[in-house]
Amino acid sequence: MKILIVEDEELAAKKIKKTLAEVDPVAEVIAVTESIQSTVNWLEGNPAPDLILMDIELSDGQSFEIFSRTKVKSAVIFTTSYDEFALKAFKVNSIDYLLKPVQKEELSAALDKFKNMTGIYKPTEKTELNMDALVKELQQKLQPKDYRKRFLVKHGQKLVSIETDDIAYFFSDGRLNFFKTFDNRKFVVDYTMDELEDMLDPQRYFRISRSFYISVASIDQIHDYFGNRLLLQLKPTVDKETIVSREKVTDFKKWMGK
């Protein structure tokens, strides 16, 4: 099996070559390219390898551009520093991705998938078509998401626009959903908690329970609470206990530590 490595970090490329030798001694790394342009030049001047291990972020841009500059006839396994949550939807039969630093077990599993996919060490027409579709989906997925900037809400007989930056937290009383601003104004919001989850930046907002969505800036104090839960004191204050549910505690701690 002949493999091309596309990687702009020398140490990362060496580690991949070493790991490849451990998991598949028969595999042959025929070249290492480090940029979009050098990869295009290599692909156009050499026979197609059986497989390409391709980093997504290269020194001169995202490697997806390679596919628009030349025809890629090989199967591709992407390597990436993006977390699994961002890319888990792309575990498809035709291709795989590996989180960096590439682990021995994961590389071995990816190579096995490639071998099972092709039956032999050559990509099929179906592989190429599926890969083209995947590249487009990856490009869309890795575009910065446009999260909600403001909410239009009722205030008496008027409608007012509230900037998301001014919202401390969202909560539900079981019938209606509300949010409170940092200056302690309360408004009804016409979206469910599940809908809000798709609208709010997960770097700034976290759903601690079925009825509370909080901003990191609203957290004043964090206390241990019985049942392996956490009790939060928010600002502005809220007239009900704000508890991080047991199943959310681990993710909440990771979120707070970012």
C-alpha atoms as a PDB file:
ATOM      1  CA  MET A   1       0.000   0.000   0.000  1.00  0.00           C
ATOM      2  CA  LYS A   2       1.489   3.328  -1.115  1.00  0.00           C
ATOM      3  CA  ILE A   3       0.679   6.322   1.074  1.00  0.00           C
ATOM      4  CA  LEU A   4       1.099  10.078   0.633  1.00  0.00           C
ATOM      5  CA  ILE A   5       1.255  12.150   3.825  1.00  0.00           C
ATOM      6  CA  VAL A   6       0.087  15.768   3.619  1.00  0.00           C
ATOM      7  CA  GLU A   7       1.295  17.482   6.783  1.00  0.00           C
ATOM      8  CA  ASP A   8       2.972  20.841   7.361  1.00  0.00           C
ATOM      9  CA  GLU A   9       4.406  20.013  10.804  1.00  0.00           C
ATOM     10  CA  GLU A  10       7.630  18.035  10.506  1.00  0.00           C
ATOM     11  CA  LEU A  11       7.311  16.357  13.906  1.00  0.00           C
ATOM     12  CA  ALA A  12       3.699  15.345  13.205  1.00  0.00           C
ATOM     13  CA  ALA A  13       4.715  13.853   9.855  1.00  0.00           C
ATOM     14  CA  LYS A  14       7.527  11.867  11.492  1.00  0.00           C
ATOM     15  CA  LYS A  15       5.142  10.560  14.150  1.00  0.00           C
ATOM     16  CA  ILE A  16       2.615   9.441  11.533  1.00  0.00           C
ATOM     17  CA  LYS A  17       5.360   7.646   9.561  1.00  0.00           C
ATOM     18  CA  LYS A  18       6.565   5.902  12.708  1.00  0.00           C
ATOM     19  CA  THR A  19       3.046   4.890  13.723  1.00  0.00           C
ATOM     20  CA  LEU A  20       2.310   3.623  10.211  1.00  0.00           C
ATOM     21  CA  ALA A  21       5.401   1.416  10.329  1.00  0.00           C
ATOM     22  CA  GLU A  22       4.167  -0.063  13.610  1.00  0.00           C
ATOM     23  CA  VAL A  23       0.593  -0.807  12.550  1.00  0.00           C
ATOM     24  CA  ASP A  24       1.268  -1.841   8.931  1.00  0.00           C
ATOM     25  CA  PRO A  25       4.909  -2.657   8.112  1.00  0.00           C
ATOM     26  CA  VAL A  26       3.959  -3.300   4.481  1.00  0.00           C
ATOM     27  CA  ALA A  27       2.668   0.245   4.005  1.00  0.00           C
ATOM     28  CA  GLU A  28       5.082   2.492   2.113  1.00  0.00           C
ATOM     29  CA  VAL A  29       5.176   6.269   2.571  1.00  0.00           C
ATOM     30  CA  ILE A  30       6.147   7.429  -0.899  1.00  0.00           C
ATOM     31  CA  ALA A  31       6.164  11.181  -0.177  1.00  0.00           C
ATOM     32  CA  VAL A  32       5.379  13.921   2.345  1.00  0.00           C
ATOM     33  CA  THR A  33       4.020  17.241   1.141  1.00  0.00           C
ATOM     34  CA  GLU A  34       3.515  20.253   3.379  1.00  0.00           C
ATOM     35  CA  SER A  35       1.236  22.677   1.542  1.00  0.00           C
ATOM     36  CA  ILE A  36      -1.701  22.924  -0.831  1.00  0.00           C
ATOM     37  CA  GLN A  37       0.478  23.881  -3.787  1.00  0.00           C
ATOM     38  CA  SER A  38       3.170  21.258  -3.204  1.00  0.00           C
ATOM     39  CA  THR A  39       0.476  18.584  -2.854  1.00  0.00           C
ATOM     40  CA  VAL A  40      -1.220  19.636  -6.087  1.00  0.00           C
ATOM     41  CA  ASN A  41       2.145  19.616  -7.870  1.00  0.00           C
ATOM     42  CA  TRP A  42       2.976  16.152  -6.514  1.00  0.00           C
ATOM     43  CA  LEU A  43      -0.413  14.662  -7.417  1.00  0.00           C
ATOM     44  CA  GLU A  44      -0.224  16.032 -10.957  1.00  0.00           C
ATOM     45  CA  GLY A  45       3.317  14.740 -11.475  1.00  0.00           C
ATOM     46  CA  ASN A  46       3.070  11.271  -9.945  1.00  0.00           C
ATOM     47  CA  PRO A  47       0.851   8.163 -10.080  1.00  0.00           C
ATOM     48  CA  ALA A  48      -1.989   8.300  -7.564  1.00  0.00           C
ATOM     49  CA  PRO A  49      -1.142   6.677  -4.218  1.00  0.00           C
ATOM     50  CA  ASP A  50      -3.498   4.118  -2.719  1.00  0.00           C
ATOM     51  CA  LEU A  51      -4.220   6.352   0.276  1.00  0.00           C
ATOM     52  CA  ILE A  52      -3.582   9.927   1.430  1.00  0.00           C
ATOM     53  CA  LEU A  53      -3.295  10.938   5.078  1.00  0.00           C
ATOM     54  CA  MET A  54      -4.176  14.613   4.861  1.00  0.00           C
ATOM     55  CA  ASP A  55      -4.059  17.305   7.526  1.00  0.00           C
ATOM     56  CA  ILE A  56      -6.966  19.739   7.246  1.00  0.00           C
ATOM     57  CA  GLU A  57      -5.093  22.891   8.299  1.00  0.00           C
ATOM     58  CA  LEU A  58      -1.977  23.547   6.210  1.00  0.00           C
ATOM     59  CA  SER A  59       0.413  26.481   6.154  1.00  0.00           C
ATOM     60  CA  ASP A  60      -1.254  28.004   3.083  1.00  0.00           C
ATOM     61  CA  GLY A  61      -4.906  27.233   3.910  1.00  0.00           C
ATOM     62  CA  GLN A  62      -7.329  24.352   4.365  1.00  0.00           C
ATOM     63  CA  SER A  63      -6.468  21.214   2.422  1.00  0.00           C
ATOM     64  CA  PHE A  64      -9.981  21.101   0.922  1.00  0.00           C
ATOM     65  CA  GLU A  65      -8.674  23.532  -1.692  1.00  0.00           C
ATOM     66  CA  ILE A  66      -6.548  20.714  -3.111  1.00  0.00           C
ATOM     67  CA  PHE A  67      -9.754  19.044  -4.359  1.00  0.00           C
ATOM     68  CA  SER A  68     -10.754  22.145  -6.309  1.00  0.00           C
ATOM     69  CA  ARG A  69      -7.337  22.496  -7.946  1.00  0.00           C
ATOM     70  CA  THR A  70      -6.803  18.912  -9.094  1.00  0.00           C
ATOM     71  CA  LYS A  71      -8.572  15.578  -9.310  1.00  0.00           C
ATOM     72  CA  VAL A  72      -7.804  13.443  -6.276  1.00  0.00           C
ATOM     73  CA  LYS A  73      -8.052   9.802  -7.347  1.00  0.00           C
ATOM     74  CA  SER A  74      -6.984   8.308  -4.011  1.00  0.00           C
ATOM     75  CA  ALA A  75      -8.944   7.562  -0.872  1.00  0.00           C
ATOM     76  CA  VAL A  76      -8.291  10.127   1.848  1.00  0.00           C
ATOM     77  CA  ILE A  77      -8.153   9.930   5.628  1.00  0.00           C
ATOM     78  CA  PHE A  78      -8.124  13.380   7.190  1.00  0.00           C
ATOM     79  CA  THR A  79      -6.077  14.263  10.256  1.00  0.00           C
ATOM     80  CA  THR A  80      -7.269  17.193  12.319  1.00  0.00           C
ATOM     81  CA  SER A  81      -6.968  19.053  15.600  1.00  0.00           C
ATOM     82  CA  TYR A  82     -10.721  19.733  15.647  1.00  0.00           C
ATOM     83  CA  ASP A  83     -12.550  17.976  18.443  1.00  0.00           C
ATOM     84  CA  GLU A  84     -14.676  14.883  17.880  1.00  0.00           C
ATOM     85  CA  PHE A  85     -17.929  16.718  18.595  1.00  0.00           C
ATOM     86  CA  ALA A  86     -17.374  18.949  15.570  1.00  0.00           C
ATOM     87  CA  LEU A  87     -16.656  16.090  13.208  1.00  0.00           C
ATOM     88  CA  LYS A  88     -18.450  13.028  14.551  1.00  0.00           C
ATOM     89  CA  ALA A  89     -21.125  13.325  11.853  1.00  0.00           C
ATOM     90  CA  PHE A  90     -18.519  12.501   9.232  1.00  0.00           C
ATOM     91  CA  LYS A  91     -17.686   8.945  10.299  1.00  0.00           C
ATOM     92  CA  VAL A  92     -18.899   7.552   6.998  1.00  0.00           C
ATOM     93  CA  ASN A  93     -18.030   4.349   5.141  1.00  0.00           C
ATOM     94  CA  SER A  94     -16.053   6.033   2.407  1.00  0.00           C
ATOM     95  CA  ILE A  95     -13.589   7.984   4.541  1.00  0.00           C
ATOM     96  CA  ASP A  96     -12.365   8.552   8.077  1.00  0.00           C
ATOM     97  CA  TYR A  97     -10.664  11.216  10.156  1.00  0.00           C
ATOM     98  CA  LEU A  98      -8.077  11.001  12.922  1.00  0.00           C
ATOM     99  CA  LEU A  99      -7.642  13.411  15.791  1.00  0.00           C
ATOM    100  CA  LYS A 100      -4.124  14.751  16.270  1.00  0.00           C
ATOM    101  CA  PRO A 101      -1.854  13.575  17.744  1.00  0.00           C
ATOM    102  CA  VAL A 102      -2.629  10.420  15.782  1.00  0.00           C
ATOM    103  CA  GLN A 103      -2.907   7.368  18.034  1.00  0.00           C
ATOM    104  CA  LYS A 104      -1.715   3.909  17.043  1.00  0.00           C
ATOM    105  CA  GLU A 105      -5.047   2.158  17.669  1.00  0.00           C
ATOM    106  CA  GLU A 106      -7.027   4.767  15.744  1.00  0.00           C
ATOM    107  CA  LEU A 107      -4.694   4.701  12.758  1.00  0.00           C
ATOM    108  CA  SER A 108      -4.850   0.919  12.681  1.00  0.00           C
ATOM    109  CA  ALA A 109      -8.662   0.996  12.749  1.00  0.00           C
ATOM    110  CA  ALA A 110      -8.733   3.604   9.971  1.00  0.00           C
ATOM    111  CA  LEU A 111      -6.465   1.511   7.763  1.00  0.00           C
ATOM    112  CA  ASP A 112      -8.655  -1.528   8.379  1.00  0.00           C
ATOM    113  CA  LYS A 113     -11.691   0.505   7.360  1.00  0.00           C
ATOM    114  CA  PHE A 114      -9.931   1.590   4.184  1.00  0.00           C
ATOM    115  CA  LYS A 115      -8.998  -1.989   3.303  1.00  0.00           C
ATOM    116  CA  ASN A 116     -12.531  -3.228   3.957  1.00  0.00           C
ATOM    117  CA  MET A 117     -13.974  -0.336   1.979  1.00  0.00           C
ATOM    118  CA  THR A 118     -12.016  -1.065  -1.162  1.00  0.00           C
ATOM    119  CA  GLY A 119     -11.526  -4.814  -0.922  1.00  0.00           C
ATOM    120  CA  ILE A 120      -8.193  -4.108  -2.587  1.00  0.00           C
ATOM    121  CA  TYR A 121      -5.826  -1.191  -2.201  1.00  0.00           C
ATOM    122  CA  LYS A 122      -7.478   0.875  -4.905  1.00  0.00           C
ATOM    123  CA  PRO A 123     -10.312   3.396  -4.574  1.00  0.00           C
ATOM    124  CA  THR A 124     -13.555   2.822  -6.389  1.00  0.00           C
ATOM    125  CA  GLU A 125     -15.659   5.311  -8.325  1.00  0.00           C
ATOM    126  CA  LYS A 126     -18.135   5.266  -5.438  1.00  0.00           C
ATOM    127  CA  THR A 127     -15.309   6.207  -3.057  1.00  0.00           C
ATOM    128  CA  GLU A 128     -14.415   9.254  -5.133  1.00  0.00           C
ATOM    129  CA  LEU A 129     -18.018  10.418  -5.298  1.00  0.00           C
ATOM    130  CA  ASN A 130     -18.548   9.946  -1.566  1.00  0.00           C
ATOM    131  CA  MET A 131     -15.301  11.753  -0.846  1.00  0.00           C
ATOM    132  CA  ASP A 132     -16.347  14.766  -2.917  1.00  0.00           C
ATOM    133  CA  ALA A 133     -19.590  14.997  -0.967  1.00  0.00           C
ATOM    134  CA  LEU A 134     -17.765  14.650   2.337  1.00  0.00           C
ATOM    135  CA  VAL A 135     -15.289  17.396   1.506  1.00  0.00           C
ATOM    136  CA  LYS A 136     -18.190  19.777   0.832  1.00  0.00           C
ATOM    137  CA  GLU A 137     -19.841  18.832   4.133  1.00  0.00           C
ATOM    138  CA  LEU A 138     -16.590  19.279   6.043  1.00  0.00           C
ATOM    139  CA  GLN A 139     -16.081  22.714   4.522  1.00  0.00           C
ATOM    140  CA  GLN A 140     -19.560  23.752   5.607  1.00  0.00           C
ATOM    141  CA  LYS A 141     -19.128  22.260   9.068  1.00  0.00           C
ATOM    142  CA  LEU A 142     -15.820  24.002   9.699  1.00  0.00           C
ATOM    143  CA  GLN A 143     -17.120  27.422   8.708  1.00  0.00           C
ATOM    144  CA  PRO A 144     -17.568  29.604  11.794  1.00  0.00           C
ATOM    145  CA  LYS A 145     -21.204  29.282  12.834  1.00  0.00           C
ATOM    146  CA  ASP A 146     -23.264  32.450  12.894  1.00  0.00           C
ATOM    147  CA  TYR A 147     -24.822  32.344  16.358  1.00  0.00           C
ATOM    148  CA  ARG A 148     -27.763  34.467  17.426  1.00  0.00           C
ATOM    149  CA  LYS A 149     -26.765  38.120  17.924  1.00  0.00           C
ATOM    150  CA  ARG A 150     -30.038  39.483  19.353  1.00  0.00           C
ATOM    151  CA  PHE A 151     -33.604  38.580  20.327  1.00  0.00           C
ATOM    152  CA  LEU A 152     -36.755  40.538  19.492  1.00  0.00           C
ATOM    153  CA  VAL A 153     -39.096  40.415  22.507  1.00  0.00           C
ATOM    154  CA  LYS A 154     -42.226  42.101  23.828  1.00  0.00           C
ATOM    155  CA  HIS A 155     -41.928  44.858  26.410  1.00  0.00           C
ATOM    156  CA  GLY A 156     -45.391  46.115  27.304  1.00  0.00           C
ATOM    157  CA  GLN A 157     -47.020  47.185  24.079  1.00  0.00           C
ATOM    158  CA  LYS A 158     -43.705  47.508  22.265  1.00  0.00           C
ATOM    159  CA  LEU A 159     -41.127  45.207  20.704  1.00  0.00           C
ATOM    160  CA  VAL A 160     -37.531  45.656  21.777  1.00  0.00           C
ATOM    161  CA  SER A 161     -34.303  44.124  20.501  1.00  0.00           C
ATOM    162  CA  ILE A 162     -31.986  42.710  23.163  1.00  0.00           C
ATOM    163  CA  GLU A 163     -28.361  41.925  22.356  1.00  0.00           C
ATOM    164  CA  THR A 164     -27.362  38.359  23.222  1.00  0.00           C
ATOM    165  CA  ASP A 165     -24.274  39.780  24.948  1.00  0.00           C
ATOM    166  CA  ASP A 166     -26.616  41.434  27.456  1.00  0.00           C
ATOM    167  CA  ILE A 167     -28.388  38.181  28.426  1.00  0.00           C
ATOM    168  CA  ALA A 168     -27.246  36.491  31.647  1.00  0.00           C
ATOM    169  CA  TYR A 169     -29.352  33.325  31.438  1.00  0.00           C
ATOM    170  CA  PHE A 170     -32.448  31.654  30.013  1.00  0.00           C
ATOM    171  CA  PHE A 171     -34.864  29.663  32.164  1.00  0.00           C
ATOM    172  CA  SER A 172     -38.264  27.978  32.124  1.00  0.00           C
ATOM    173  CA  ASP A 173     -41.079  27.912  34.661  1.00  0.00           C
ATOM    174  CA  GLY A 174     -42.640  24.859  33.012  1.00  0.00           C
ATOM    175  CA  ARG A 175     -45.057  26.906  30.907  1.00  0.00           C
ATOM    176  CA  LEU A 176     -43.061  29.771  29.431  1.00  0.00           C
ATOM    177  CA  ASN A 177     -39.412  30.423  28.718  1.00  0.00           C
ATOM    178  CA  PHE A 178     -37.699  33.636  29.832  1.00  0.00           C
ATOM    179  CA  PHE A 179     -34.346  35.311  29.887  1.00  0.00           C
ATOM    180  CA  LYS A 180     -32.831  37.821  32.292  1.00  0.00           C
ATOM    181  CA  THR A 181     -30.402  40.511  31.269  1.00  0.00           C
ATOM    182  CA  PHE A 182     -27.390  41.477  33.353  1.00  0.00           C
ATOM    183  CA  ASP A 183     -29.235  44.629  34.427  1.00  0.00           C
ATOM    184  CA  ASN A 184     -31.992  42.368  35.853  1.00  0.00           C
ATOM    185  CA  ARG A 185     -34.710  42.845  33.226  1.00  0.00           C
ATOM    186  CA  LYS A 186     -36.901  39.820  32.523  1.00  0.00           C
ATOM    187  CA  PHE A 187     -38.456  38.959  29.143  1.00  0.00           C
ATOM    188  CA  VAL A 188     -40.480  36.134  27.667  1.00  0.00           C
ATOM    189  CA  VAL A 189     -38.679  34.397  24.796  1.00  0.00           C
ATOM    190  CA  ASP A 190     -40.634  32.530  22.095  1.00  0.00           C
ATOM    191  CA  TYR A 191     -38.233  29.620  21.687  1.00  0.00           C
ATOM    192  CA  THR A 192     -37.928  26.252  23.375  1.00  0.00           C
ATOM    193  CA  MET A 193     -34.773  25.291  25.265  1.00  0.00           C
ATOM    194  CA  ASP A 194     -33.905  22.840  22.490  1.00  0.00           C
ATOM    195  CA  GLU A 195     -34.213  25.583  19.880  1.00  0.00           C
ATOM    196  CA  LEU A 196     -32.041  27.898  21.958  1.00  0.00           C
ATOM    197  CA  GLU A 197     -29.352  25.218  22.026  1.00  0.00           C
ATOM    198  CA  ASP A 198     -28.851  25.671  18.271  1.00  0.00           C
ATOM    199  CA  MET A 199     -28.847  29.468  18.508  1.00  0.00           C
ATOM    200  CA  LEU A 200     -26.372  30.149  21.316  1.00  0.00           C
ATOM    201  CA  ASP A 201     -22.588  30.071  21.186  1.00  0.00           C
ATOM    202  CA  PRO A 202     -21.515  26.993  23.211  1.00  0.00           C
ATOM    203  CA  GLN A 203     -18.333  28.789  24.221  1.00  0.00           C
ATOM    204  CA  ARG A 204     -20.418  31.298  26.155  1.00  0.00           C
ATOM    205  CA  TYR A 205     -23.646  29.506  27.082  1.00  0.00           C
ATOM    206  CA  PHE A 206     -24.205  26.124  28.715  1.00  0.00           C
ATOM    207  CA  ARG A 207     -27.402  24.206  29.381  1.00  0.00           C
ATOM    208  CA  ILE A 208     -27.034  23.030  32.978  1.00  0.00           C
ATOM    209  CA  SER A 209     -30.450  21.345  33.159  1.00  0.00           C
ATOM    210  CA  ARG A 210     -33.721  21.004  31.271  1.00  0.00           C
ATOM    211  CA  SER A 211     -34.848  24.420  32.509  1.00  0.00           C
ATOM    212  CA  PHE A 212     -31.673  26.555  32.640  1.00  0.00           C
ATOM    213  CA  TYR A 213     -29.287  27.915  30.021  1.00  0.00           C
ATOM    214  CA  ILE A 214     -26.614  30.159  31.546  1.00  0.00           C
ATOM    215  CA  SER A 215     -23.898  32.514  30.388  1.00  0.00           C
ATOM    216  CA  VAL A 216     -20.424  31.966  31.776  1.00  0.00           C
ATOM    217  CA  ALA A 217     -20.421  35.635  32.813  1.00  0.00           C
ATOM    218  CA  SER A 218     -23.509  35.099  34.983  1.00  0.00           C
ATOM    219  CA  ILE A 219     -21.815  32.609  37.334  1.00  0.00           C
ATOM    220  CA  ASP A 220     -20.924  34.160  40.681  1.00  0.00           C
ATOM    221  CA  GLN A 221     -20.198  31.079  42.822  1.00  0.00           C
ATOM    222  CA  ILE A 222     -20.141  27.287  42.418  1.00  0.00           C
ATOM    223  CA  HIS A 223     -20.856  24.924  45.319  1.00  0.00           C
ATOM    224  CA  ASP A 224     -20.906  21.137  45.712  1.00  0.00           C
ATOM    225  CA  TYR A 225     -24.445  19.830  46.095  1.00  0.00           C
ATOM    226  CA  PHE A 226     -25.825  16.489  47.178  1.00  0.00           C
ATOM    227  CA  GLY A 227     -26.339  13.779  44.588  1.00  0.00           C
ATOM    228  CA  ASN A 228     -23.024  14.635  42.845  1.00  0.00           C
ATOM    229  CA  ARG A 229     -24.532  17.843  41.519  1.00  0.00           C
ATOM    230  CA  LEU A 230     -23.445  21.486  41.655  1.00  0.00           C
ATOM    231  CA  LEU A 231     -25.311  24.498  43.007  1.00  0.00           C
ATOM    232  CA  LEU A 232     -24.709  27.825  41.281  1.00  0.00           C
ATOM    233  CA  GLN A 233     -25.176  31.366  42.480  1.00  0.00           C
ATOM    234  CA  LEU A 234     -25.959  33.572  39.511  1.00  0.00           C
ATOM    235  CA  LYS A 235     -25.926  37.289  38.889  1.00  0.00           C
ATOM    236  CA  PRO A 236     -28.444  38.732  38.752  1.00  0.00           C
ATOM    237  CA  THR A 237     -29.980  36.508  41.417  1.00  0.00           C
ATOM    238  CA  VAL A 238     -32.766  34.113  40.509  1.00  0.00           C
ATOM    239  CA  ASP A 239     -35.640  33.059  42.768  1.00  0.00           C
ATOM    240  CA  LYS A 240     -35.134  29.305  42.274  1.00  0.00           C
ATOM    241  CA  GLU A 241     -32.270  26.895  42.860  1.00  0.00           C
ATOM    242  CA  THR A 242     -29.865  26.782  39.947  1.00  0.00           C
ATOM    243  CA  ILE A 243     -28.478  23.260  39.907  1.00  0.00           C
ATOM    244  CA  VAL A 244     -26.190  21.571  37.412  1.00  0.00           C
ATOM    245  CA  SER A 245     -27.781  18.169  36.829  1.00  0.00           C
ATOM    246  CA  ARG A 246     -25.664  15.105  37.596  1.00  0.00           C
ATOM    247  CA  GLU A 247     -25.308  14.062  33.953  1.00  0.00           C
ATOM    248  CA  LYS A 248     -24.121  17.577  33.035  1.00  0.00           C
ATOM    249  CA  VAL A 249     -21.505  18.045  35.771  1.00  0.00           C
ATOM    250  CA  THR A 250     -18.510  16.609  33.893  1.00  0.00           C
ATOM    251  CA  ASP A 251     -19.203  18.610  30.725  1.00  0.00           C
ATOM    252  CA  PHE A 252     -19.890  21.731  32.793  1.00  0.00           C
ATOM    253  CA  LYS A 253     -16.522  21.489  34.504  1.00  0.00           C
ATOM    254  CA  LYS A 254     -14.788  21.090  31.137  1.00  0.00           C
ATOM    255  CA  TRP A 255     -16.714  24.086  29.796  1.00  0.00           C
ATOM    256  CA  MET A 256     -15.756  26.235  32.783  1.00  0.00           C
ATOM    257  CA  GLY A 257     -12.111  25.235  32.406  1.00  0.00           C
ATOM    258  CA  LYS A 258     -11.762  26.309  28.781  1.00  0.00           C
END
